[in-house]
Each structure stands twice: as structure tokens, then as C-alpha cells.
Amino acid sequence: MTRPQDWSALGWGSDPVPGDPGTVATVAGKYRTTADAVSQASANLARLDMSENKSLGLATVLDQIKAVRTQLDDVESRVDGASAALEYYGPRLGEAQQLSLEALSEAEAARQAARASQTA
């Protein structure tokens, strides 16, 4: 989205609400996809059933699988949280940008009216 470059009517030297809500939504979707993939990997590891095998080597492997699952669950939680935060932030960024555009439009109209009254 292209935003105005001149915010001087509001006393700003640059865009007071920078960013791209569409990009935020895209990144949120990628994080969501990653969280789903990590969740699936953890679920796949949980389905490994080796209860009939009693070897010491297998017990070590199973311990490692449990450790990896714990790490995957932590990663999923973090990535899911980031996705949720971005999903929440994106629309609010868009709303804030819309409000800033409305304020800019009103300020520019007021500035033009002030200039016209000075000229008259």
C-alpha cells in the first residue's frame, strides 16, 4: 500500500503509522503454517509405539524422542503466539492507518482553508 509522503499538515516529518497490514497478514499466515507443521511433527513422534521392544538402546532413543517432542512443543507455542500477535496486530495497523489518512485529509483541508482566508 502506498502511503502519503507529506505529513506536514499534521506536524509530522514522516508517516506516523508506517507498515503494511497485508505484509503483516502474510507473515502471520507463514507463522501459522509453521506452527501447524511443528505440531504435526510432534504428533508424529508421539505416535511411535515401541512398547514391545525392551532394549536399552531403544530406551535411549525413546528418551531422545521425548526430549525432541518437548522442544517441538515449546517451538510450536512460541510460533503460535507470534502468529496470534501478528493476526491481532495487522487489522489494527490497518485501522490506525485509515484514521491517520482521515486526520491528514482534514488537516490538509484546514490548512488550505486557512491559506484561502489569508489570501482573501
N, C-alpha and C. Protein backbone atom coordinates (compact mmCIF):
# COMPACT_ATOMS: atom_id res chain seq x y z
N MET A 1 0.84 -1.16 0.00
CA MET A 1 0.00 0.00 0.00
C MET A 1 0.89 1.24 0.00
N THR A 2 0.59 2.18 -0.86
CA THR A 2 1.34 3.43 -0.92
C THR A 2 0.69 4.44 0.01
N ARG A 3 1.49 4.97 0.88
CA ARG A 3 1.01 5.96 1.84
C ARG A 3 1.59 7.31 1.45
N PRO A 4 0.90 8.40 1.83
CA PRO A 4 1.42 9.74 1.51
C PRO A 4 2.81 9.95 2.12
N GLN A 5 3.59 10.76 1.45
CA GLN A 5 4.93 11.08 1.95
C GLN A 5 4.94 12.37 2.77
N ASP A 6 4.01 13.27 2.49
CA ASP A 6 3.98 14.57 3.16
C ASP A 6 2.94 14.55 4.29
N TRP A 7 3.43 14.56 5.51
CA TRP A 7 2.56 14.58 6.68
C TRP A 7 2.69 15.90 7.44
N SER A 8 3.21 16.91 6.77
CA SER A 8 3.49 18.19 7.44
C SER A 8 2.22 18.88 7.92
N ALA A 9 1.08 18.62 7.29
CA ALA A 9 -0.17 19.25 7.75
C ALA A 9 -0.51 18.82 9.17
N LEU A 10 -0.02 17.67 9.58
CA LEU A 10 -0.23 17.18 10.95
C LEU A 10 0.99 17.42 11.83
N GLY A 11 2.01 18.04 11.27
CA GLY A 11 3.22 18.32 12.04
C GLY A 11 4.19 17.14 12.11
N TRP A 12 4.04 16.20 11.22
CA TRP A 12 4.92 15.03 11.18
C TRP A 12 5.84 15.14 9.98
N GLY A 13 7.07 14.73 10.17
CA GLY A 13 8.04 14.73 9.08
C GLY A 13 7.98 13.46 8.25
N SER A 14 7.30 12.44 8.77
CA SER A 14 7.17 11.18 8.06
C SER A 14 5.86 10.51 8.50
N ASP A 15 5.56 9.41 7.87
CA ASP A 15 4.33 8.67 8.15
C ASP A 15 4.29 8.29 9.63
N PRO A 16 3.28 8.73 10.38
CA PRO A 16 3.21 8.40 11.80
C PRO A 16 2.78 6.96 12.08
N VAL A 17 2.25 6.28 11.06
CA VAL A 17 1.79 4.89 11.23
C VAL A 17 2.33 4.05 10.07
N PRO A 18 3.65 3.81 10.05
CA PRO A 18 4.23 3.05 8.94
C PRO A 18 3.89 1.57 9.03
N GLY A 19 4.07 0.90 7.94
CA GLY A 19 3.85 -0.54 7.92
C GLY A 19 2.88 -0.93 6.83
N ASP A 20 2.74 -2.21 6.63
CA ASP A 20 1.86 -2.74 5.60
C ASP A 20 1.03 -3.87 6.20
N PRO A 21 -0.26 -3.62 6.45
CA PRO A 21 -1.11 -4.66 7.04
C PRO A 21 -1.14 -5.95 6.22
N GLY A 22 -1.04 -5.84 4.91
CA GLY A 22 -1.02 -7.03 4.06
C GLY A 22 0.21 -7.89 4.30
N THR A 23 1.34 -7.24 4.45
CA THR A 23 2.58 -7.97 4.75
C THR A 23 2.49 -8.62 6.13
N VAL A 24 1.92 -7.91 7.09
CA VAL A 24 1.75 -8.47 8.43
C VAL A 24 0.87 -9.72 8.34
N ALA A 25 -0.21 -9.66 7.58
CA ALA A 25 -1.10 -10.82 7.42
C ALA A 25 -0.38 -11.99 6.75
N THR A 26 0.44 -11.69 5.75
CA THR A 26 1.20 -12.74 5.07
C THR A 26 2.17 -13.43 6.03
N VAL A 27 2.88 -12.64 6.80
CA VAL A 27 3.83 -13.20 7.76
C VAL A 27 3.09 -14.00 8.83
N ALA A 28 1.95 -13.49 9.29
CA ALA A 28 1.15 -14.23 10.28
C ALA A 28 0.74 -15.59 9.73
N GLY A 29 0.35 -15.63 8.46
CA GLY A 29 -0.01 -16.90 7.83
C GLY A 29 1.15 -17.86 7.76
N LYS A 30 2.33 -17.34 7.47
CA LYS A 30 3.53 -18.20 7.41
C LYS A 30 3.85 -18.75 8.80
N TYR A 31 3.73 -17.91 9.81
CA TYR A 31 3.96 -18.39 11.18
C TYR A 31 2.93 -19.46 11.54
N ARG A 32 1.67 -19.24 11.16
CA ARG A 32 0.61 -20.21 11.45
C ARG A 32 0.92 -21.54 10.77
N THR A 33 1.35 -21.50 9.51
CA THR A 33 1.72 -22.72 8.78
C THR A 33 2.87 -23.44 9.47
N THR A 34 3.85 -22.67 9.92
CA THR A 34 5.00 -23.26 10.62
C THR A 34 4.55 -23.91 11.92
N ALA A 35 3.71 -23.24 12.68
CA ALA A 35 3.21 -23.81 13.94
C ALA A 35 2.46 -25.11 13.68
N ASP A 36 1.66 -25.14 12.62
CA ASP A 36 0.92 -26.36 12.28
C ASP A 36 1.88 -27.49 11.91
N ALA A 37 2.93 -27.17 11.17
CA ALA A 37 3.90 -28.20 10.77
C ALA A 37 4.65 -28.74 11.98
N VAL A 38 5.01 -27.87 12.89
CA VAL A 38 5.71 -28.30 14.10
C VAL A 38 4.78 -29.17 14.95
N SER A 39 3.53 -28.78 15.03
CA SER A 39 2.55 -29.58 15.78
C SER A 39 2.40 -30.97 15.18
N GLN A 40 2.36 -31.02 13.85
CA GLN A 40 2.25 -32.32 13.17
C GLN A 40 3.47 -33.18 13.41
N ALA A 41 4.64 -32.58 13.39
CA ALA A 41 5.88 -33.34 13.65
C ALA A 41 5.86 -33.91 15.07
N SER A 42 5.43 -33.12 16.02
CA SER A 42 5.35 -33.60 17.40
C SER A 42 4.33 -34.73 17.51
N ALA A 43 3.20 -34.59 16.85
CA ALA A 43 2.17 -35.64 16.88
C ALA A 43 2.68 -36.93 16.24
N ASN A 44 3.44 -36.79 15.17
CA ASN A 44 4.02 -37.97 14.50
C ASN A 44 4.97 -38.71 15.45
N LEU A 45 5.78 -37.95 16.16
CA LEU A 45 6.70 -38.57 17.13
C LEU A 45 5.92 -39.24 18.26
N ALA A 46 4.81 -38.65 18.66
CA ALA A 46 4.01 -39.23 19.75
C ALA A 46 3.39 -40.56 19.34
N ARG A 47 3.16 -40.75 18.07
CA ARG A 47 2.54 -41.98 17.59
C ARG A 47 3.51 -43.16 17.48
N LEU A 48 4.78 -42.90 17.65
CA LEU A 48 5.74 -44.00 17.60
C LEU A 48 5.48 -44.93 18.78
N ASP A 49 5.14 -46.15 18.46
CA ASP A 49 4.85 -47.12 19.53
C ASP A 49 5.90 -48.22 19.50
N MET A 50 6.73 -48.20 20.48
CA MET A 50 7.78 -49.21 20.57
C MET A 50 7.71 -49.90 21.93
N SER A 51 6.52 -49.98 22.46
CA SER A 51 6.34 -50.52 23.81
C SER A 51 6.71 -52.00 23.91
N GLU A 52 6.68 -52.72 22.81
CA GLU A 52 7.01 -54.14 22.86
C GLU A 52 8.52 -54.40 22.86
N ASN A 53 9.28 -53.41 22.41
CA ASN A 53 10.74 -53.57 22.40
C ASN A 53 11.30 -53.09 23.73
N LYS A 54 12.12 -53.89 24.34
CA LYS A 54 12.62 -53.58 25.69
C LYS A 54 14.13 -53.36 25.72
N SER A 55 14.75 -53.08 24.61
CA SER A 55 16.21 -52.95 24.59
C SER A 55 16.64 -51.62 25.22
N LEU A 56 17.84 -51.64 25.77
CA LEU A 56 18.40 -50.44 26.39
C LEU A 56 18.64 -49.35 25.34
N GLY A 57 19.10 -49.75 24.16
CA GLY A 57 19.33 -48.79 23.08
C GLY A 57 18.04 -48.10 22.67
N LEU A 58 16.98 -48.85 22.61
CA LEU A 58 15.70 -48.28 22.23
C LEU A 58 15.19 -47.32 23.31
N ALA A 59 15.44 -47.66 24.56
CA ALA A 59 15.03 -46.78 25.65
C ALA A 59 15.72 -45.43 25.52
N THR A 60 16.97 -45.44 25.13
CA THR A 60 17.72 -44.20 24.93
C THR A 60 17.11 -43.39 23.77
N VAL A 61 16.78 -44.08 22.69
CA VAL A 61 16.15 -43.42 21.54
C VAL A 61 14.81 -42.81 21.95
N LEU A 62 14.02 -43.55 22.71
CA LEU A 62 12.72 -43.04 23.16
C LEU A 62 12.89 -41.82 24.07
N ASP A 63 13.91 -41.82 24.91
CA ASP A 63 14.18 -40.65 25.74
C ASP A 63 14.51 -39.44 24.87
N GLN A 64 15.30 -39.67 23.82
CA GLN A 64 15.64 -38.57 22.90
C GLN A 64 14.39 -38.07 22.17
N ILE A 65 13.52 -38.99 21.79
CA ILE A 65 12.27 -38.59 21.11
C ILE A 65 11.43 -37.73 22.04
N LYS A 66 11.35 -38.11 23.30
CA LYS A 66 10.59 -37.31 24.27
C LYS A 66 11.19 -35.91 24.40
N ALA A 67 12.51 -35.84 24.44
CA ALA A 67 13.18 -34.54 24.55
C ALA A 67 12.90 -33.68 23.32
N VAL A 68 12.95 -34.30 22.16
CA VAL A 68 12.67 -33.55 20.92
C VAL A 68 11.22 -33.09 20.90
N ARG A 69 10.30 -33.93 21.33
CA ARG A 69 8.88 -33.54 21.38
C ARG A 69 8.69 -32.35 22.31
N THR A 70 9.36 -32.36 23.45
CA THR A 70 9.26 -31.24 24.38
C THR A 70 9.75 -29.95 23.72
N GLN A 71 10.87 -30.05 23.00
CA GLN A 71 11.39 -28.88 22.30
C GLN A 71 10.44 -28.43 21.20
N LEU A 72 9.88 -29.38 20.47
CA LEU A 72 8.94 -29.03 19.40
C LEU A 72 7.69 -28.36 19.98
N ASP A 73 7.22 -28.85 21.11
CA ASP A 73 6.05 -28.24 21.74
C ASP A 73 6.34 -26.81 22.17
N ASP A 74 7.57 -26.55 22.66
CA ASP A 74 7.97 -25.19 23.02
C ASP A 74 8.02 -24.29 21.78
N VAL A 75 8.59 -24.81 20.71
CA VAL A 75 8.67 -24.05 19.46
C VAL A 75 7.27 -23.75 18.94
N GLU A 76 6.42 -24.75 18.95
CA GLU A 76 5.05 -24.55 18.47
C GLU A 76 4.36 -23.45 19.27
N SER A 77 4.52 -23.48 20.58
CA SER A 77 3.90 -22.48 21.43
C SER A 77 4.38 -21.07 21.09
N ARG A 78 5.68 -20.93 20.88
CA ARG A 78 6.24 -19.61 20.56
C ARG A 78 5.80 -19.12 19.19
N VAL A 79 5.86 -20.00 18.21
CA VAL A 79 5.49 -19.61 16.85
C VAL A 79 3.99 -19.33 16.77
N ASP A 80 3.20 -20.13 17.46
CA ASP A 80 1.76 -19.91 17.51
C ASP A 80 1.45 -18.57 18.17
N GLY A 81 2.18 -18.25 19.23
CA GLY A 81 1.99 -16.96 19.89
C GLY A 81 2.35 -15.79 18.99
N ALA A 82 3.43 -15.94 18.25
CA ALA A 82 3.83 -14.88 17.31
C ALA A 82 2.77 -14.71 16.23
N SER A 83 2.26 -15.82 15.73
CA SER A 83 1.21 -15.76 14.71
C SER A 83 -0.03 -15.05 15.25
N ALA A 84 -0.44 -15.43 16.45
CA ALA A 84 -1.63 -14.81 17.04
C ALA A 84 -1.43 -13.30 17.24
N ALA A 85 -0.24 -12.92 17.68
CA ALA A 85 0.05 -11.50 17.88
C ALA A 85 -0.02 -10.74 16.56
N LEU A 86 0.56 -11.31 15.51
CA LEU A 86 0.52 -10.66 14.20
C LEU A 86 -0.89 -10.62 13.63
N GLU A 87 -1.65 -11.69 13.83
CA GLU A 87 -3.04 -11.72 13.37
C GLU A 87 -3.87 -10.65 14.07
N TYR A 88 -3.55 -10.37 15.31
CA TYR A 88 -4.24 -9.31 16.05
C TYR A 88 -3.77 -7.93 15.59
N TYR A 89 -2.46 -7.80 15.41
CA TYR A 89 -1.86 -6.50 15.08
C TYR A 89 -2.22 -6.00 13.68
N GLY A 90 -2.21 -6.90 12.70
CA GLY A 90 -2.42 -6.48 11.31
C GLY A 90 -3.68 -5.65 11.08
N PRO A 91 -4.85 -6.13 11.48
CA PRO A 91 -6.06 -5.33 11.27
C PRO A 91 -6.04 -4.00 12.03
N ARG A 92 -5.46 -3.99 13.21
CA ARG A 92 -5.40 -2.75 13.98
C ARG A 92 -4.45 -1.74 13.33
N LEU A 93 -3.38 -2.25 12.72
CA LEU A 93 -2.49 -1.38 11.96
C LEU A 93 -3.27 -0.74 10.82
N GLY A 94 -4.05 -1.54 10.11
CA GLY A 94 -4.87 -1.01 9.02
C GLY A 94 -5.85 0.04 9.49
N GLU A 95 -6.49 -0.20 10.64
CA GLU A 95 -7.43 0.77 11.20
C GLU A 95 -6.71 2.07 11.57
N ALA A 96 -5.56 1.94 12.20
CA ALA A 96 -4.79 3.13 12.59
C ALA A 96 -4.34 3.92 11.36
N GLN A 97 -3.94 3.20 10.32
CA GLN A 97 -3.53 3.88 9.09
C GLN A 97 -4.72 4.61 8.46
N GLN A 98 -5.89 4.00 8.48
CA GLN A 98 -7.07 4.66 7.93
C GLN A 98 -7.39 5.92 8.72
N LEU A 99 -7.33 5.84 10.04
CA LEU A 99 -7.58 7.03 10.87
C LEU A 99 -6.55 8.12 10.59
N SER A 100 -5.29 7.72 10.39
CA SER A 100 -4.26 8.72 10.13
C SER A 100 -4.49 9.40 8.78
N LEU A 101 -4.98 8.64 7.80
CA LEU A 101 -5.29 9.23 6.49
C LEU A 101 -6.45 10.22 6.60
N GLU A 102 -7.44 9.87 7.40
CA GLU A 102 -8.58 10.77 7.60
C GLU A 102 -8.12 12.04 8.31
N ALA A 103 -7.26 11.91 9.31
CA ALA A 103 -6.74 13.08 10.03
C ALA A 103 -5.91 13.95 9.10
N LEU A 104 -5.10 13.32 8.25
CA LEU A 104 -4.30 14.07 7.29
C LEU A 104 -5.19 14.83 6.32
N SER A 105 -6.20 14.19 5.82
CA SER A 105 -7.12 14.83 4.89
C SER A 105 -7.78 16.05 5.53
N GLU A 106 -8.24 15.89 6.77
CA GLU A 106 -8.87 17.00 7.48
C GLU A 106 -7.87 18.13 7.74
N ALA A 107 -6.66 17.78 8.11
CA ALA A 107 -5.64 18.80 8.38
C ALA A 107 -5.27 19.55 7.11
N GLU A 108 -5.17 18.82 5.99
CA GLU A 108 -4.84 19.48 4.73
C GLU A 108 -5.97 20.42 4.30
N ALA A 109 -7.21 19.99 4.49
CA ALA A 109 -8.35 20.85 4.16
C ALA A 109 -8.34 22.10 5.04
N ALA A 110 -8.05 21.94 6.32
CA ALA A 110 -7.99 23.09 7.22
C ALA A 110 -6.85 24.03 6.84
N ARG A 111 -5.73 23.47 6.44
CA ARG A 111 -4.58 24.29 6.03
C ARG A 111 -4.93 25.07 4.77
N GLN A 112 -5.58 24.43 3.82
CA GLN A 112 -6.00 25.12 2.58
C GLN A 112 -7.01 26.22 2.88
N ALA A 113 -7.93 25.95 3.79
CA ALA A 113 -8.92 26.96 4.16
C ALA A 113 -8.25 28.14 4.83
N ALA A 114 -7.25 27.88 5.67
CA ALA A 114 -6.53 28.95 6.35
C ALA A 114 -5.76 29.80 5.33
N ARG A 115 -5.14 29.15 4.35
CA ARG A 115 -4.41 29.88 3.32
C ARG A 115 -5.36 30.73 2.47
N ALA A 116 -6.52 30.14 2.16
CA ALA A 116 -7.50 30.88 1.36
C ALA A 116 -8.01 32.09 2.12
N SER A 117 -8.23 31.95 3.40
CA SER A 117 -8.73 33.10 4.19
C SER A 117 -7.66 34.17 4.32
N GLN A 118 -6.38 33.78 4.37
CA GLN A 118 -5.31 34.76 4.43
C GLN A 118 -5.19 35.52 3.10
N THR A 119 -5.41 34.79 2.01
CA THR A 119 -5.33 35.40 0.70
C THR A 119 -6.48 36.38 0.49
N ALA A 120 -7.65 35.99 0.99
CA ALA A 120 -8.83 36.84 0.83
C ALA A 120 -8.68 38.04 1.75
